Amino acid sequence: MGAGLPLALLRGLATSRVIWAAVLGELLRTRHVVTVDLPGFGRSAAVGAEFELEPVAARIARGLAARGIAGPYDVVGHSLGGVA
């Protein structure tokens, strides 16, 4: 959504993409915003049996690239999304 430099928003553990609703309108004024489900949560399949940061980060980067979002881009995470 939006136009400008890409910004990926990663939600937290006990939330959904809706967590970003309060700030989304303002971000869309200047950025191309993508909301992301962490692997294993929401509509995204798990990377493995455990939540290991390197495979999770790699999956997120591949998913963004598959949707035509190439770096550089910024990432903002809430709660568990901040770890990934």
Protein backbone atom coordinates (compact mmCIF):
# COMPACT_ATOMS: atom_id res chain seq x y z
CA MET A 1 0.00 0.00 0.00
CA GLY A 2 1.15 3.54 -0.59
CA ALA A 3 4.14 4.87 -2.48
CA GLY A 4 7.68 5.76 -1.54
CA LEU A 5 10.47 3.85 0.14
CA PRO A 6 9.33 0.41 1.35
CA LEU A 7 8.52 -0.06 5.03
CA ALA A 8 7.78 -3.55 6.38
CA LEU A 9 5.70 -3.70 9.56
CA LEU A 10 6.08 -6.89 11.64
CA ARG A 11 3.34 -7.60 14.14
CA GLY A 12 3.77 -9.01 17.63
CA LEU A 13 2.87 -12.42 19.00
CA ALA A 14 -0.62 -11.84 20.38
CA THR A 15 -1.71 -9.40 17.68
CA SER A 16 -2.61 -9.27 14.01
CA ARG A 17 -1.83 -6.89 11.19
CA VAL A 18 -4.60 -4.71 12.62
CA ILE A 19 -2.17 -3.55 15.33
CA TRP A 20 -0.83 -1.05 12.79
CA ALA A 21 -4.23 0.51 11.98
CA ALA A 22 -3.69 3.59 14.16
CA VAL A 23 -0.49 4.62 12.35
CA LEU A 24 -1.07 3.19 8.89
CA GLY A 25 -2.75 6.27 7.41
CA GLU A 26 0.11 8.54 8.39
CA LEU A 27 2.78 6.10 7.16
CA LEU A 28 1.03 5.73 3.80
CA ARG A 29 1.49 9.44 3.12
CA THR A 30 5.18 8.93 2.43
CA ARG A 31 5.93 5.19 2.35
CA HIS A 32 5.11 1.96 0.52
CA VAL A 33 3.89 -0.03 3.55
CA VAL A 34 3.75 -3.82 3.79
CA THR A 35 2.31 -5.58 6.82
CA VAL A 36 3.86 -8.98 7.45
CA ASP A 37 2.79 -12.06 9.36
CA LEU A 38 5.75 -13.67 11.10
CA PRO A 39 6.44 -17.24 9.96
CA GLY A 40 4.27 -19.61 11.97
CA PHE A 41 1.67 -16.96 12.80
CA GLY A 42 -1.38 -15.60 11.01
CA ARG A 43 -1.49 -16.93 7.45
CA SER A 44 2.21 -17.80 7.30
CA ALA A 45 3.59 -21.33 7.59
CA ALA A 46 6.25 -22.01 10.21
CA VAL A 47 9.92 -22.10 9.23
CA GLY A 48 10.66 -25.06 11.50
CA ALA A 49 9.82 -26.62 14.83
CA GLU A 50 11.13 -23.60 16.75
CA PHE A 51 11.20 -19.84 16.23
CA GLU A 52 14.85 -19.39 15.21
CA LEU A 53 15.73 -15.83 14.27
CA GLU A 54 17.99 -16.40 11.25
CA PRO A 55 15.55 -18.64 9.32
CA VAL A 56 12.66 -16.35 10.25
CA ALA A 57 14.51 -13.23 9.04
CA ALA A 58 15.54 -15.01 5.83
CA ARG A 59 11.92 -16.08 5.17
CA ILE A 60 10.71 -12.52 5.66
CA ALA A 61 13.37 -11.15 3.29
CA ARG A 62 12.52 -13.79 0.65
CA GLY A 63 8.81 -13.05 1.00
CA LEU A 64 9.36 -9.34 0.49
CA ALA A 65 11.60 -9.99 -2.53
CA ALA A 66 8.99 -12.35 -4.03
CA ARG A 67 6.50 -9.48 -3.87
CA GLY A 68 8.87 -7.13 -5.71
CA ILE A 69 10.13 -5.32 -2.63
CA ALA A 70 13.87 -5.00 -2.94
CA GLY A 71 16.21 -3.32 -0.52
CA PRO A 72 16.91 -1.01 0.85
CA TYR A 73 13.81 -1.00 3.01
CA ASP A 74 13.06 -0.25 6.62
CA VAL A 75 11.56 -2.71 9.07
CA VAL A 76 9.53 -1.82 12.17
CA GLY A 77 8.57 -4.53 14.60
CA HIS A 78 6.18 -4.66 17.53
CA SER A 79 6.91 -7.10 20.39
CA LEU A 80 8.02 -10.41 18.82
CA GLY A 81 8.15 -8.66 15.44
CA GLY A 82 10.88 -6.44 16.85
CA VAL A 83 13.04 -9.49 17.49
CA ALA A 84 12.71 -10.84 13.95
